[in-house]
Amino acid sequence: SGRANELARAGKLFNKSYLSAIASKFDLGRTD
């Protein structure tokens, strides 16, 4: 939803960047 909105809605989760790293490589073909 855009960096500013991401930080406003869930800043702690985005600042840590672990979930963002996982989401950045999301591939529908690998979903079980």
Full PDB file with SEQRES, HELIX, SHEET, SSBOND, CRYST1, ORIGX, SCALE, CONECT and MASTER records, all heavy atoms in Angstrom:
SEQRES   1 A   32  SER GLY ARG ALA ASN GLU LEU ALA ARG ALA GLY LYS LEU          
SEQRES   2 A   32  PHE ASN LYS SER TYR LEU SER ALA ILE ALA SER LYS PHE          
SEQRES   3 A   32  ASP LEU GLY ARG THR ASP                                      
HELIX    1 AA1 ARG A    3  LYS A   16  1                                  14    
HELIX    2 AA2 TYR A   18  SER A   24  1                                   7    
HELIX    3 AA3 LEU A   28  ARG A   30  5                                   3    
CRYST1    1.000    1.000    1.000  90.00  90.00  90.00 P 1           1          
ORIGX1      1.000000  0.000000  0.000000        0.00000                         
ORIGX2      0.000000  1.000000  0.000000        0.00000                         
ORIGX3      0.000000  0.000000  1.000000        0.00000                         
SCALE1      1.000000  0.000000  0.000000        0.00000                         
SCALE2      0.000000  1.000000  0.000000        0.00000                         
SCALE3      0.000000  0.000000  1.000000        0.00000                         
ATOM      1  N   SER A   1       0.818  -1.219   0.000  1.00  0.00           N  
ATOM      2  CA  SER A   1       0.000   0.000   0.000  1.00  0.00           C  
ATOM      3  C   SER A   1       0.851   1.269   0.000  1.00  0.00           C  
ATOM      4  O   SER A   1       0.322   2.365   0.176  1.00  0.00           O  
ATOM      5  CB  SER A   1      -0.917   0.001   1.227  1.00  0.00           C  
ATOM      6  OG  SER A   1      -0.168  -0.023   2.432  1.00  0.00           O  
ATOM      7  N   GLY A   2       2.156   1.133  -0.187  1.00  0.00           N  
ATOM      8  CA  GLY A   2       3.057   2.280  -0.167  1.00  0.00           C  
ATOM      9  C   GLY A   2       3.806   2.341   1.160  1.00  0.00           C  
ATOM     10  O   GLY A   2       3.240   2.030   2.210  1.00  0.00           O  
ATOM     11  N   ARG A   3       5.068   2.741   1.097  1.00  0.00           N  
ATOM     12  CA  ARG A   3       5.923   2.683   2.282  1.00  0.00           C  
ATOM     13  C   ARG A   3       5.354   3.462   3.464  1.00  0.00           C  
ATOM     14  O   ARG A   3       5.342   2.983   4.597  1.00  0.00           O  
ATOM     15  CB  ARG A   3       7.322   3.210   1.919  1.00  0.00           C  
ATOM     16  CG  ARG A   3       8.339   3.136   3.053  1.00  0.00           C  
ATOM     17  CD  ARG A   3       8.602   1.690   3.450  1.00  0.00           C  
ATOM     18  NE  ARG A   3       9.640   1.598   4.468  1.00  0.00           N  
ATOM     19  CZ  ARG A   3       9.945   0.475   5.101  1.00  0.00           C  
ATOM     20  NH1 ARG A   3       9.290  -0.647   4.815  1.00  0.00           N  
ATOM     21  NH2 ARG A   3      10.892   0.448   6.017  1.00  0.00           N  
ATOM     22  N   ALA A   4       4.882   4.671   3.202  1.00  0.00           N  
ATOM     23  CA  ALA A   4       4.367   5.508   4.289  1.00  0.00           C  
ATOM     24  C   ALA A   4       3.165   4.848   4.958  1.00  0.00           C  
ATOM     25  O   ALA A   4       3.062   4.820   6.192  1.00  0.00           O  
ATOM     26  CB  ALA A   4       3.983   6.882   3.758  1.00  0.00           C  
ATOM     27  N   ASN A   5       2.280   4.285   4.153  1.00  0.00           N  
ATOM     28  CA  ASN A   5       1.084   3.635   4.704  1.00  0.00           C  
ATOM     29  C   ASN A   5       1.442   2.349   5.422  1.00  0.00           C  
ATOM     30  O   ASN A   5       0.867   2.021   6.459  1.00  0.00           O  
ATOM     31  CB  ASN A   5       0.074   3.361   3.582  1.00  0.00           C  
ATOM     32  CG  ASN A   5      -1.298   3.003   4.127  1.00  0.00           C  
ATOM     33  OD1 ASN A   5      -1.787   3.630   5.059  1.00  0.00           O  
ATOM     34  ND2 ASN A   5      -1.911   1.988   3.537  1.00  0.00           N  
ATOM     35  N   GLU A   6       2.413   1.607   4.895  1.00  0.00           N  
ATOM     36  CA  GLU A   6       2.866   0.374   5.548  1.00  0.00           C  
ATOM     37  C   GLU A   6       3.386   0.672   6.955  1.00  0.00           C  
ATOM     38  O   GLU A   6       3.045  -0.011   7.918  1.00  0.00           O  
ATOM     39  CB  GLU A   6       3.957  -0.293   4.716  1.00  0.00           C  
ATOM     40  CG  GLU A   6       3.473  -0.926   3.427  1.00  0.00           C  
ATOM     41  CD  GLU A   6       4.592  -1.476   2.579  1.00  0.00           C  
ATOM     42  OE1 GLU A   6       5.769  -1.101   2.830  1.00  0.00           O  
ATOM     43  OE2 GLU A   6       4.325  -2.252   1.651  1.00  0.00           O  
ATOM     44  N   LEU A   7       4.216   1.707   7.056  1.00  0.00           N  
ATOM     45  CA  LEU A   7       4.791   2.064   8.352  1.00  0.00           C  
ATOM     46  C   LEU A   7       3.738   2.596   9.309  1.00  0.00           C  
ATOM     47  O   LEU A   7       3.789   2.337  10.515  1.00  0.00           O  
ATOM     48  CB  LEU A   7       5.894   3.106   8.159  1.00  0.00           C  
ATOM     49  CG  LEU A   7       7.157   2.610   7.431  1.00  0.00           C  
ATOM     50  CD1 LEU A   7       8.113   3.767   7.187  1.00  0.00           C  
ATOM     51  CD2 LEU A   7       7.838   1.503   8.211  1.00  0.00           C  
ATOM     52  N   ALA A   8       2.765   3.308   8.773  1.00  0.00           N  
ATOM     53  CA  ALA A   8       1.710   3.860   9.625  1.00  0.00           C  
ATOM     54  C   ALA A   8       0.816   2.758  10.186  1.00  0.00           C  
ATOM     55  O   ALA A   8       0.366   2.820  11.339  1.00  0.00           O  
ATOM     56  CB  ALA A   8       0.872   4.865   8.836  1.00  0.00           C  
ATOM     57  N   ARG A   9       0.563   1.730   9.398  1.00  0.00           N  
ATOM     58  CA  ARG A   9      -0.366   0.675   9.799  1.00  0.00           C  
ATOM     59  C   ARG A   9       0.312  -0.467  10.553  1.00  0.00           C  
ATOM     60  O   ARG A   9      -0.313  -1.127  11.382  1.00  0.00           O  
ATOM     61  CB  ARG A   9      -1.090   0.131   8.564  1.00  0.00           C  
ATOM     62  CG  ARG A   9      -1.965   1.160   7.862  1.00  0.00           C  
ATOM     63  CD  ARG A   9      -2.503   0.648   6.547  1.00  0.00           C  
ATOM     64  NE  ARG A   9      -3.412  -0.473   6.720  1.00  0.00           N  
ATOM     65  CZ  ARG A   9      -3.969  -1.113   5.687  1.00  0.00           C  
ATOM     66  NH1 ARG A   9      -3.702  -0.759   4.446  1.00  0.00           N  
ATOM     67  NH2 ARG A   9      -4.796  -2.116   5.923  1.00  0.00           N  
ATOM     68  N   ALA A  10       1.571  -0.735  10.235  1.00  0.00           N  
ATOM     69  CA  ALA A  10       2.260  -1.877  10.873  1.00  0.00           C  
ATOM     70  C   ALA A  10       3.759  -1.621  10.894  1.00  0.00           C  
ATOM     71  O   ALA A  10       4.558  -2.445  10.447  1.00  0.00           O  
ATOM     72  CB  ALA A  10       1.941  -3.173  10.134  1.00  0.00           C  
ATOM     73  N   GLY A  11       4.146  -0.461  11.439  1.00  0.00           N  
ATOM     74  CA  GLY A  11       5.533  -0.023  11.375  1.00  0.00           C  
ATOM     75  C   GLY A  11       6.537  -1.010  11.931  1.00  0.00           C  
ATOM     76  O   GLY A  11       7.582  -1.262  11.324  1.00  0.00           O  
ATOM     77  N   LYS A  12       6.259  -1.597  13.095  1.00  0.00           N  
ATOM     78  CA  LYS A  12       7.205  -2.519  13.726  1.00  0.00           C  
ATOM     79  C   LYS A  12       7.492  -3.722  12.832  1.00  0.00           C  
ATOM     80  O   LYS A  12       8.639  -4.162  12.698  1.00  0.00           O  
ATOM     81  CB  LYS A  12       6.658  -2.994  15.070  1.00  0.00           C  
ATOM     82  CG  LYS A  12       7.627  -3.869  15.860  1.00  0.00           C  
ATOM     83  CD  LYS A  12       7.008  -4.350  17.157  1.00  0.00           C  
ATOM     84  CE  LYS A  12       6.727  -3.206  18.095  1.00  0.00           C  
ATOM     85  NZ  LYS A  12       6.223  -3.692  19.412  1.00  0.00           N  
ATOM     86  N   LEU A  13       6.457  -4.228  12.186  1.00  0.00           N  
ATOM     87  CA  LEU A  13       6.616  -5.412  11.338  1.00  0.00           C  
ATOM     88  C   LEU A  13       7.424  -5.086  10.093  1.00  0.00           C  
ATOM     89  O   LEU A  13       8.196  -5.909   9.599  1.00  0.00           O  
ATOM     90  CB  LEU A  13       5.243  -5.968  10.958  1.00  0.00           C  
ATOM     91  CG  LEU A  13       4.388  -6.497  12.114  1.00  0.00           C  
ATOM     92  CD1 LEU A  13       2.997  -6.875  11.620  1.00  0.00           C  
ATOM     93  CD2 LEU A  13       5.059  -7.700  12.774  1.00  0.00           C  
ATOM     94  N   PHE A  14       7.242  -3.876   9.547  1.00  0.00           N  
ATOM     95  CA  PHE A  14       7.974  -3.507   8.340  1.00  0.00           C  
ATOM     96  C   PHE A  14       9.394  -3.057   8.653  1.00  0.00           C  
ATOM     97  O   PHE A  14      10.309  -3.273   7.860  1.00  0.00           O  
ATOM     98  CB  PHE A  14       7.213  -2.416   7.578  1.00  0.00           C  
ATOM     99  CG  PHE A  14       6.030  -2.949   6.816  1.00  0.00           C  
ATOM    100  CD1 PHE A  14       4.758  -2.927   7.369  1.00  0.00           C  
ATOM    101  CD2 PHE A  14       6.191  -3.502   5.556  1.00  0.00           C  
ATOM    102  CE1 PHE A  14       3.675  -3.438   6.678  1.00  0.00           C  
ATOM    103  CE2 PHE A  14       5.117  -4.010   4.854  1.00  0.00           C  
ATOM    104  CZ  PHE A  14       3.845  -3.984   5.410  1.00  0.00           C  
ATOM    105  N   ASN A  15       9.591  -2.434   9.796  1.00  0.00           N  
ATOM    106  CA  ASN A  15      10.930  -1.979  10.170  1.00  0.00           C  
ATOM    107  C   ASN A  15      11.891  -3.149  10.353  1.00  0.00           C  
ATOM    108  O   ASN A  15      13.075  -3.052  10.042  1.00  0.00           O  
ATOM    109  CB  ASN A  15      10.879  -1.142  11.459  1.00  0.00           C  
ATOM    110  CG  ASN A  15      10.459   0.295  11.182  1.00  0.00           C  
ATOM    111  OD1 ASN A  15      10.688   0.800  10.080  1.00  0.00           O  
ATOM    112  ND2 ASN A  15       9.840   0.938  12.148  1.00  0.00           N  
ATOM    113  N   LYS A  16      11.407  -4.253  10.879  1.00  0.00           N  
ATOM    114  CA  LYS A  16      12.249  -5.431  11.084  1.00  0.00           C  
ATOM    115  C   LYS A  16      12.673  -6.048   9.757  1.00  0.00           C  
ATOM    116  O   LYS A  16      13.702  -6.688   9.658  1.00  0.00           O  
ATOM    117  CB  LYS A  16      11.502  -6.468  11.931  1.00  0.00           C  
ATOM    118  CG  LYS A  16      11.294  -6.038  13.386  1.00  0.00           C  
ATOM    119  CD  LYS A  16      12.613  -5.930  14.133  1.00  0.00           C  
ATOM    120  CE  LYS A  16      12.389  -5.624  15.594  1.00  0.00           C  
ATOM    121  NZ  LYS A  16      13.650  -5.477  16.345  1.00  0.00           N  
ATOM    122  N   SER A  17      11.844  -5.897   8.738  1.00  0.00           N  
ATOM    123  CA  SER A  17      12.110  -6.283   7.340  1.00  0.00           C  
ATOM    124  C   SER A  17      12.150  -7.785   7.050  1.00  0.00           C  
ATOM    125  O   SER A  17      12.303  -8.192   5.903  1.00  0.00           O  
ATOM    126  CB  SER A  17      13.406  -5.646   6.825  1.00  0.00           C  
ATOM    127  OG  SER A  17      14.559  -6.336   7.274  1.00  0.00           O  
ATOM    128  N   TYR A  18      11.982  -8.636   8.071  1.00  0.00           N  
ATOM    129  CA  TYR A  18      12.007 -10.083   7.813  1.00  0.00           C  
ATOM    130  C   TYR A  18      10.789 -10.516   6.989  1.00  0.00           C  
ATOM    131  O   TYR A  18      10.925 -11.239   5.996  1.00  0.00           O  
ATOM    132  CB  TYR A  18      12.039 -10.857   9.138  1.00  0.00           C  
ATOM    133  CG  TYR A  18      13.241 -10.547   9.989  1.00  0.00           C  
ATOM    134  CD1 TYR A  18      13.113  -9.901  11.207  1.00  0.00           C  
ATOM    135  CD2 TYR A  18      14.520 -10.890   9.553  1.00  0.00           C  
ATOM    136  CE1 TYR A  18      14.222  -9.604  11.990  1.00  0.00           C  
ATOM    137  CE2 TYR A  18      15.643 -10.601  10.319  1.00  0.00           C  
ATOM    138  CZ  TYR A  18      15.480  -9.947  11.545  1.00  0.00           C  
ATOM    139  OH  TYR A  18      16.580  -9.658  12.298  1.00  0.00           O  
ATOM    140  N   LEU A  19       9.609 -10.077   7.396  1.00  0.00           N  
ATOM    141  CA  LEU A  19       8.405 -10.436   6.649  1.00  0.00           C  
ATOM    142  C   LEU A  19       8.431  -9.826   5.252  1.00  0.00           C  
ATOM    143  O   LEU A  19       7.981 -10.446   4.280  1.00  0.00           O  
ATOM    144  CB  LEU A  19       7.152  -9.986   7.398  1.00  0.00           C  
ATOM    145  CG  LEU A  19       6.894 -10.632   8.760  1.00  0.00           C  
ATOM    146  CD1 LEU A  19       5.557 -10.158   9.328  1.00  0.00           C  
ATOM    147  CD2 LEU A  19       6.915 -12.149   8.679  1.00  0.00           C  
ATOM    148  N   SER A  20       8.966  -8.606   5.148  1.00  0.00           N  
ATOM    149  CA  SER A  20       9.060  -7.958   3.836  1.00  0.00           C  
ATOM    150  C   SER A  20       9.959  -8.747   2.899  1.00  0.00           C  
ATOM    151  O   SER A  20       9.690  -8.858   1.701  1.00  0.00           O  
ATOM    152  CB  SER A  20       9.586  -6.530   3.980  1.00  0.00           C  
ATOM    153  OG  SER A  20       8.701  -5.729   4.728  1.00  0.00           O  
ATOM    154  N   ALA A  21      11.043  -9.299   3.439  1.00  0.00           N  
ATOM    155  CA  ALA A  21      11.953 -10.106   2.622  1.00  0.00           C  
ATOM    156  C   ALA A  21      11.244 -11.343   2.084  1.00  0.00           C  
ATOM    157  O   ALA A  21      11.415 -11.717   0.921  1.00  0.00           O  
ATOM    158  CB  ALA A  21      13.176 -10.510   3.446  1.00  0.00           C  
ATOM    159  N   ILE A  22      10.441 -11.962   2.932  1.00  0.00           N  
ATOM    160  CA  ILE A  22       9.687 -13.142   2.492  1.00  0.00           C  
ATOM    161  C   ILE A  22       8.654 -12.750   1.446  1.00  0.00           C  
ATOM    162  O   ILE A  22       8.522 -13.388   0.397  1.00  0.00           O  
ATOM    163  CB  ILE A  22       9.002 -13.820   3.700  1.00  0.00           C  
ATOM    164  CG1 ILE A  22      10.049 -14.278   4.720  1.00  0.00           C  
ATOM    165  CG2 ILE A  22       8.149 -15.008   3.240  1.00  0.00           C  
ATOM    166  CD1 ILE A  22       9.458 -14.720   6.055  1.00  0.00           C  
ATOM    167  N   ALA A  23       7.917 -11.664   1.717  1.00  0.00           N  
ATOM    168  CA  ALA A  23       6.864 -11.229   0.797  1.00  0.00           C  
ATOM    169  C   ALA A  23       7.428 -10.815  -0.557  1.00  0.00           C  
ATOM    170  O   ALA A  23       6.782 -11.004  -1.593  1.00  0.00           O  
ATOM    171  CB  ALA A  23       6.083 -10.075   1.417  1.00  0.00           C  
ATOM    172  N   SER A  24       8.643 -10.266  -0.567  1.00  0.00           N  
ATOM    173  CA  SER A  24       9.235  -9.788  -1.820  1.00  0.00           C  
ATOM    174  C   SER A  24       9.511 -10.928  -2.797  1.00  0.00           C  
ATOM    175  O   SER A  24       9.623 -10.706  -4.006  1.00  0.00           O  
ATOM    176  CB  SER A  24      10.539  -9.030  -1.540  1.00  0.00           C  
ATOM    177  OG  SER A  24      11.560  -9.915  -1.096  1.00  0.00           O  
ATOM    178  N   LYS A  25       9.626 -12.149  -2.282  1.00  0.00           N  
ATOM    179  CA  LYS A  25       9.894 -13.305  -3.139  1.00  0.00           C  
ATOM    180  C   LYS A  25       8.659 -14.187  -3.330  1.00  0.00           C  
ATOM    181  O   LYS A  25       8.766 -15.318  -3.821  1.00  0.00           O  
ATOM    182  CB  LYS A  25      11.039 -14.137  -2.557  1.00  0.00           C  
ATOM    183  CG  LYS A  25      12.375 -13.401  -2.557  1.00  0.00           C  
ATOM    184  CD  LYS A  25      13.508 -14.304  -2.086  1.00  0.00           C  
ATOM    185  CE  LYS A  25      14.850 -13.586  -2.132  1.00  0.00           C  
ATOM    186  NZ  LYS A  25      15.967 -14.463  -1.697  1.00  0.00           N  
ATOM    187  N   PHE A  26       7.496 -13.652  -2.946  1.00  0.00           N  
ATOM    188  CA  PHE A  26       6.266 -14.443  -3.059  1.00  0.00           C  
ATOM    189  C   PHE A  26       6.069 -14.959  -4.479  1.00  0.00           C  
ATOM    190  O   PHE A  26       6.220 -14.231  -5.457  1.00  0.00           O  
ATOM    191  CB  PHE A  26       5.052 -13.599  -2.660  1.00  0.00           C  
ATOM    192  CG  PHE A  26       3.743 -14.317  -2.854  1.00  0.00           C  
ATOM    193  CD1 PHE A  26       3.318 -15.264  -1.937  1.00  0.00           C  
ATOM    194  CD2 PHE A  26       2.960 -14.067  -3.970  1.00  0.00           C  
ATOM    195  CE1 PHE A  26       2.127 -15.947  -2.122  1.00  0.00           C  
ATOM    196  CE2 PHE A  26       1.760 -14.743  -4.159  1.00  0.00           C  
ATOM    197  CZ  PHE A  26       1.348 -15.686  -3.223  1.00  0.00           C  
ATOM    198  N   ASP A  27       5.726 -16.230  -4.568  1.00  0.00           N  
ATOM    199  CA  ASP A  27       5.507 -16.885  -5.857  1.00  0.00           C  
ATOM    200  C   ASP A  27       4.252 -17.734  -5.744  1.00  0.00           C  
ATOM    201  O   ASP A  27       4.230 -18.726  -5.013  1.00  0.00           O  
ATOM    202  CB  ASP A  27       6.721 -17.751  -6.205  1.00  0.00           C  
ATOM    203  CG  ASP A  27       6.563 -18.485  -7.532  1.00  0.00           C  
ATOM    204  OD1 ASP A  27       5.514 -18.346  -8.190  1.00  0.00           O  
ATOM    205  OD2 ASP A  27       7.506 -19.210  -7.916  1.00  0.00           O  
ATOM    206  N   LEU A  28       3.209 -17.342  -6.451  1.00  0.00           N  
ATOM    207  CA  LEU A  28       1.938 -18.072  -6.386  1.00  0.00           C  
ATOM    208  C   LEU A  28       2.113 -19.547  -6.709  1.00  0.00           C  
ATOM    209  O   LEU A  28       1.454 -20.407  -6.119  1.00  0.00           O  
ATOM    210  CB  LEU A  28       0.927 -17.450  -7.358  1.00  0.00           C  
ATOM    211  CG  LEU A  28      -0.442 -18.127  -7.448  1.00  0.00           C  
ATOM    212  CD1 LEU A  28      -1.195 -17.989  -6.132  1.00  0.00           C  
ATOM    213  CD2 LEU A  28      -1.262 -17.550  -8.594  1.00  0.00           C  
ATOM    214  N   GLY A  29       3.030 -19.838  -7.626  1.00  0.00           N  
ATOM    215  CA  GLY A  29       3.235 -21.225  -8.038  1.00  0.00           C  
ATOM    216  C   GLY A  29       3.777 -22.121  -6.946  1.00  0.00           C  
ATOM    217  O   GLY A  29       3.737 -23.348  -7.066  1.00  0.00           O  
ATOM    218  N   ARG A  30       4.288 -21.522  -5.862  1.00  0.00           N  
ATOM    219  CA  ARG A  30       4.853 -22.324  -4.773  1.00  0.00           C  
ATOM    220  C   ARG A  30       3.930 -22.386  -3.561  1.00  0.00           C  
ATOM    221  O   ARG A  30       4.318 -22.895  -2.510  1.00  0.00           O  
ATOM    222  CB  ARG A  30       6.208 -21.761  -4.356  1.00  0.00           C  
ATOM    223  CG  ARG A  30       7.263 -21.833  -5.444  1.00  0.00           C  
ATOM    224  CD  ARG A  30       8.612 -21.388  -4.912  1.00  0.00           C  
ATOM    225  NE  ARG A  30       9.160 -22.343  -3.951  1.00  0.00           N  
ATOM    226  CZ  ARG A  30      10.227 -22.115  -3.210  1.00  0.00           C  
ATOM    227  NH1 ARG A  30      10.861 -20.959  -3.298  1.00  0.00           N  
ATOM    228  NH2 ARG A  30      10.666 -23.029  -2.353  1.00  0.00           N  
ATOM    229  N   THR A  31       2.726 -21.873  -3.677  1.00  0.00           N  
ATOM    230  CA  THR A  31       1.814 -21.908  -2.539  1.00  0.00           C  
ATOM    231  C   THR A  31       1.185 -23.274  -2.421  1.00  0.00           C  
ATOM    232  O   THR A  31       0.726 -23.839  -3.401  1.00  0.00           O  
ATOM    233  CB  THR A  31       0.706 -20.852  -2.687  1.00  0.00           C  
ATOM    234  OG1 THR A  31       0.072 -20.990  -3.964  1.00  0.00           O  
ATOM    235  CG2 THR A  31       1.285 -19.452  -2.567  1.00  0.00           C  
ATOM    236  N   ASP A  32       1.155 -23.831  -1.193  1.00  0.00           N  
ATOM    237  CA  ASP A  32       0.654 -25.192  -1.015  1.00  0.00           C  
ATOM    238  C   ASP A  32      -0.803 -25.240  -0.582  1.00  0.00           C  
ATOM    239  O   ASP A  32      -1.303 -26.299  -0.242  1.00  0.00           O  
ATOM    240  CB  ASP A  32       1.525 -25.974  -0.030  1.00  0.00           C  
ATOM    241  CG  ASP A  32       1.373 -25.494   1.403  1.00  0.00           C  
ATOM    242  OD1 ASP A  32       0.726 -24.451   1.623  1.00  0.00           O  
ATOM    243  OD2 ASP A  32       1.902 -26.167   2.300  1.00  0.00           O  
TER     244      ASP A  32                                                      
MASTER        0    0    0    3    0    0    0    6  243    1    0    3          
END                                                                             
